[in-house]
Amino acid sequence: MSVNLQAWSNFVGRSLIVFLMIEGVKTFPWIARVSGGSVSFKLLENVAVNLVFAILVQKTGSDIFIGEGPWPLVLSVLFGSLATAGLHRLKMAFERRSPSDPAWEAKHARRVA
């Protein structure tokens, strides 16, 4: 097994597409409700979407992990899921620090006497 560093941009792009797909699917109320409180559903959703995209990319030959056996696919899904989870954490950090957040506004409100 080897690592195809030329496919790095494909991997980063795929992680971004998976992140945007997961966020887009949350526009359906029942999915948003389930994923709002269930860590296991979020994990399953992340791994499942990454698995689908890893299988599709593997068929094109432009995956970051290339080789024989199941390990390239496993590593691709694992690293893709971790990258997507990192993007979700980054999104949540931005949402917490957003000026549209009432807690942020209350903390940073100007005191006018």
C-alpha atoms as a PDB file:
ATOM      1  CA  MET A   1       0.000   0.000   0.000  1.00  0.00           C
ATOM      2  CA  SER A   2       1.204   3.517  -0.720  1.00  0.00           C
ATOM      3  CA  VAL A   3       0.051   7.099  -0.341  1.00  0.00           C
ATOM      4  CA  ASN A   4      -0.773   9.125  -3.430  1.00  0.00           C
ATOM      5  CA  LEU A   5       0.147  12.667  -2.385  1.00  0.00           C
ATOM      6  CA  GLN A   6      -1.057  14.074  -5.709  1.00  0.00           C
ATOM      7  CA  ALA A   7      -4.569  13.072  -4.663  1.00  0.00           C
ATOM      8  CA  TRP A   8      -4.396  15.260  -1.537  1.00  0.00           C
ATOM      9  CA  SER A   9      -6.557  17.940  -3.133  1.00  0.00           C
ATOM     10  CA  ASN A  10      -9.110  15.266  -4.073  1.00  0.00           C
ATOM     11  CA  PHE A  11      -9.177  14.093  -0.442  1.00  0.00           C
ATOM     12  CA  VAL A  12      -9.615  17.607   0.944  1.00  0.00           C
ATOM     13  CA  GLY A  13     -12.300  18.363  -1.642  1.00  0.00           C
ATOM     14  CA  ARG A  14     -14.103  15.117  -0.878  1.00  0.00           C
ATOM     15  CA  SER A  15     -14.048  15.895   2.860  1.00  0.00           C
ATOM     16  CA  LEU A  16     -15.525  19.318   2.152  1.00  0.00           C
ATOM     17  CA  ILE A  17     -18.230  17.830  -0.084  1.00  0.00           C
ATOM     18  CA  VAL A  18     -19.116  15.239   2.595  1.00  0.00           C
ATOM     19  CA  PHE A  19     -19.310  18.006   5.211  1.00  0.00           C
ATOM     20  CA  LEU A  20     -21.601  20.093   3.012  1.00  0.00           C
ATOM     21  CA  MET A  21     -23.772  17.063   2.176  1.00  0.00           C
ATOM     22  CA  ILE A  22     -24.236  16.219   5.857  1.00  0.00           C
ATOM     23  CA  GLU A  23     -25.138  19.831   6.619  1.00  0.00           C
ATOM     24  CA  GLY A  24     -27.513  19.888   3.642  1.00  0.00           C
ATOM     25  CA  VAL A  25     -29.278  16.710   4.713  1.00  0.00           C
ATOM     26  CA  LYS A  26     -29.959  18.362   8.068  1.00  0.00           C
ATOM     27  CA  THR A  27     -32.474  20.645   6.345  1.00  0.00           C
ATOM     28  CA  PHE A  28     -34.943  17.779   6.625  1.00  0.00           C
ATOM     29  CA  PRO A  29     -36.605  18.214  10.038  1.00  0.00           C
ATOM     30  CA  TRP A  30     -36.559  14.572  11.130  1.00  0.00           C
ATOM     31  CA  ILE A  31     -32.858  14.170  10.307  1.00  0.00           C
ATOM     32  CA  ALA A  32     -32.017  17.413  12.101  1.00  0.00           C
ATOM     33  CA  ARG A  33     -33.986  16.259  15.135  1.00  0.00           C
ATOM     34  CA  VAL A  34     -32.257  12.872  15.287  1.00  0.00           C
ATOM     35  CA  SER A  35     -28.755  14.211  14.647  1.00  0.00           C
ATOM     36  CA  GLY A  36     -29.194  17.023  17.149  1.00  0.00           C
ATOM     37  CA  GLY A  37     -28.923  14.843  20.209  1.00  0.00           C
ATOM     38  CA  SER A  38     -27.489  11.507  19.120  1.00  0.00           C
ATOM     39  CA  VAL A  39     -23.722  11.170  18.914  1.00  0.00           C
ATOM     40  CA  SER A  40     -24.041   7.652  17.509  1.00  0.00           C
ATOM     41  CA  PHE A  41     -26.277   8.891  14.658  1.00  0.00           C
ATOM     42  CA  LYS A  42     -23.774  11.657  13.833  1.00  0.00           C
ATOM     43  CA  LEU A  43     -20.954   9.101  13.770  1.00  0.00           C
ATOM     44  CA  LEU A  44     -22.943   6.659  11.638  1.00  0.00           C
ATOM     45  CA  GLU A  45     -23.953   9.440   9.244  1.00  0.00           C
ATOM     46  CA  ASN A  46     -20.373  10.660   8.906  1.00  0.00           C
ATOM     47  CA  VAL A  47     -18.889   7.199   8.328  1.00  0.00           C
ATOM     48  CA  ALA A  48     -21.667   6.132   5.939  1.00  0.00           C
ATOM     49  CA  VAL A  49     -21.359   9.186   3.698  1.00  0.00           C
ATOM     50  CA  ASN A  50     -17.550   8.922   3.746  1.00  0.00           C
ATOM     51  CA  LEU A  51     -17.784   5.234   2.835  1.00  0.00           C
ATOM     52  CA  VAL A  52     -19.999   5.969  -0.156  1.00  0.00           C
ATOM     53  CA  PHE A  53     -17.660   8.680  -1.416  1.00  0.00           C
ATOM     54  CA  ALA A  54     -14.537   6.575  -0.758  1.00  0.00           C
ATOM     55  CA  ILE A  55     -15.986   3.717  -2.824  1.00  0.00           C
ATOM     56  CA  LEU A  56     -16.860   6.100  -5.643  1.00  0.00           C
ATOM     57  CA  VAL A  57     -13.416   7.730  -5.602  1.00  0.00           C
ATOM     58  CA  GLN A  58     -11.620   4.404  -5.343  1.00  0.00           C
ATOM     59  CA  LYS A  59     -13.180   3.341  -8.642  1.00  0.00           C
ATOM     60  CA  THR A  60     -11.640   6.394 -10.348  1.00  0.00           C
ATOM     61  CA  GLY A  61      -8.127   5.557  -9.161  1.00  0.00           C
ATOM     62  CA  SER A  62      -7.534   9.011  -7.672  1.00  0.00           C
ATOM     63  CA  ASP A  63      -7.806   8.093  -3.998  1.00  0.00           C
ATOM     64  CA  ILE A  64      -5.152   9.168  -1.511  1.00  0.00           C
ATOM     65  CA  PHE A  65      -4.545   5.576  -0.321  1.00  0.00           C
ATOM     66  CA  ILE A  66      -3.831   3.089  -3.084  1.00  0.00           C
ATOM     67  CA  GLY A  67      -3.065  -0.606  -2.883  1.00  0.00           C
ATOM     68  CA  GLU A  68      -4.594  -4.049  -2.592  1.00  0.00           C
ATOM     69  CA  GLY A  69      -6.929  -5.345   0.062  1.00  0.00           C
ATOM     70  CA  PRO A  70      -9.348  -3.579   2.370  1.00  0.00           C
ATOM     71  CA  TRP A  71      -6.848  -1.264   4.111  1.00  0.00           C
ATOM     72  CA  PRO A  72      -6.794   1.579   1.574  1.00  0.00           C
ATOM     73  CA  LEU A  73     -10.590   1.839   1.797  1.00  0.00           C
ATOM     74  CA  VAL A  74     -10.553   1.588   5.604  1.00  0.00           C
ATOM     75  CA  LEU A  75      -7.872   4.289   5.895  1.00  0.00           C
ATOM     76  CA  SER A  76      -9.667   6.515   3.417  1.00  0.00           C
ATOM     77  CA  VAL A  77     -12.952   6.267   5.355  1.00  0.00           C
ATOM     78  CA  LEU A  78     -11.182   6.732   8.707  1.00  0.00           C
ATOM     79  CA  PHE A  79      -9.215   9.805   7.676  1.00  0.00           C
ATOM     80  CA  GLY A  80     -12.171  11.216   5.745  1.00  0.00           C
ATOM     81  CA  SER A  81     -14.415  10.822   8.792  1.00  0.00           C
ATOM     82  CA  LEU A  82     -11.843  12.497  11.017  1.00  0.00           C
ATOM     83  CA  ALA A  83     -11.452  15.397   8.571  1.00  0.00           C
ATOM     84  CA  THR A  84     -15.212  15.829   8.328  1.00  0.00           C
ATOM     85  CA  ALA A  85     -15.577  15.691  12.114  1.00  0.00           C
ATOM     86  CA  GLY A  86     -12.890  18.374  12.341  1.00  0.00           C
ATOM     87  CA  LEU A  87     -14.841  20.566   9.936  1.00  0.00           C
ATOM     88  CA  HIS A  88     -17.955  20.097  12.077  1.00  0.00           C
ATOM     89  CA  ARG A  89     -16.029  21.111  15.210  1.00  0.00           C
ATOM     90  CA  LEU A  90     -14.704  24.164  13.387  1.00  0.00           C
ATOM     91  CA  LYS A  91     -18.242  25.098  12.330  1.00  0.00           C
ATOM     92  CA  MET A  92     -19.473  24.742  15.904  1.00  0.00           C
ATOM     93  CA  ALA A  93     -16.619  26.907  17.182  1.00  0.00           C
ATOM     94  CA  PHE A  94     -17.541  29.642  14.702  1.00  0.00           C
ATOM     95  CA  GLU A  95     -21.197  29.378  15.694  1.00  0.00           C
ATOM     96  CA  ARG A  96     -20.305  29.812  19.375  1.00  0.00           C
ATOM     97  CA  ARG A  97     -18.266  32.930  18.617  1.00  0.00           C
ATOM     98  CA  SER A  98     -20.749  34.389  16.179  1.00  0.00           C
ATOM     99  CA  PRO A  99     -22.106  37.880  16.842  1.00  0.00           C
ATOM    100  CA  SER A 100     -25.604  36.517  16.159  1.00  0.00           C
ATOM    101  CA  ASP A 101     -25.284  34.353  19.288  1.00  0.00           C
ATOM    102  CA  PRO A 102     -27.233  35.950  22.194  1.00  0.00           C
ATOM    103  CA  ALA A 103     -24.598  34.799  24.702  1.00  0.00           C
ATOM    104  CA  TRP A 104     -21.862  36.489  22.663  1.00  0.00           C
ATOM    105  CA  GLU A 105     -23.915  39.665  22.340  1.00  0.00           C
ATOM    106  CA  ALA A 106     -24.599  39.762  26.079  1.00  0.00           C
ATOM    107  CA  LYS A 107     -20.914  39.266  26.878  1.00  0.00           C
ATOM    108  CA  HIS A 108     -19.673  41.907  24.439  1.00  0.00           C
ATOM    109  CA  ALA A 109     -22.471  44.455  24.734  1.00  0.00           C
ATOM    110  CA  ARG A 110     -21.386  48.033  25.139  1.00  0.00           C
ATOM    111  CA  ARG A 111     -22.409  49.554  28.364  1.00  0.00           C
ATOM    112  CA  VAL A 112     -24.138  52.829  27.679  1.00  0.00           C
ATOM    113  CA  ALA A 113     -24.802  54.963  30.710  1.00  0.00           C
END
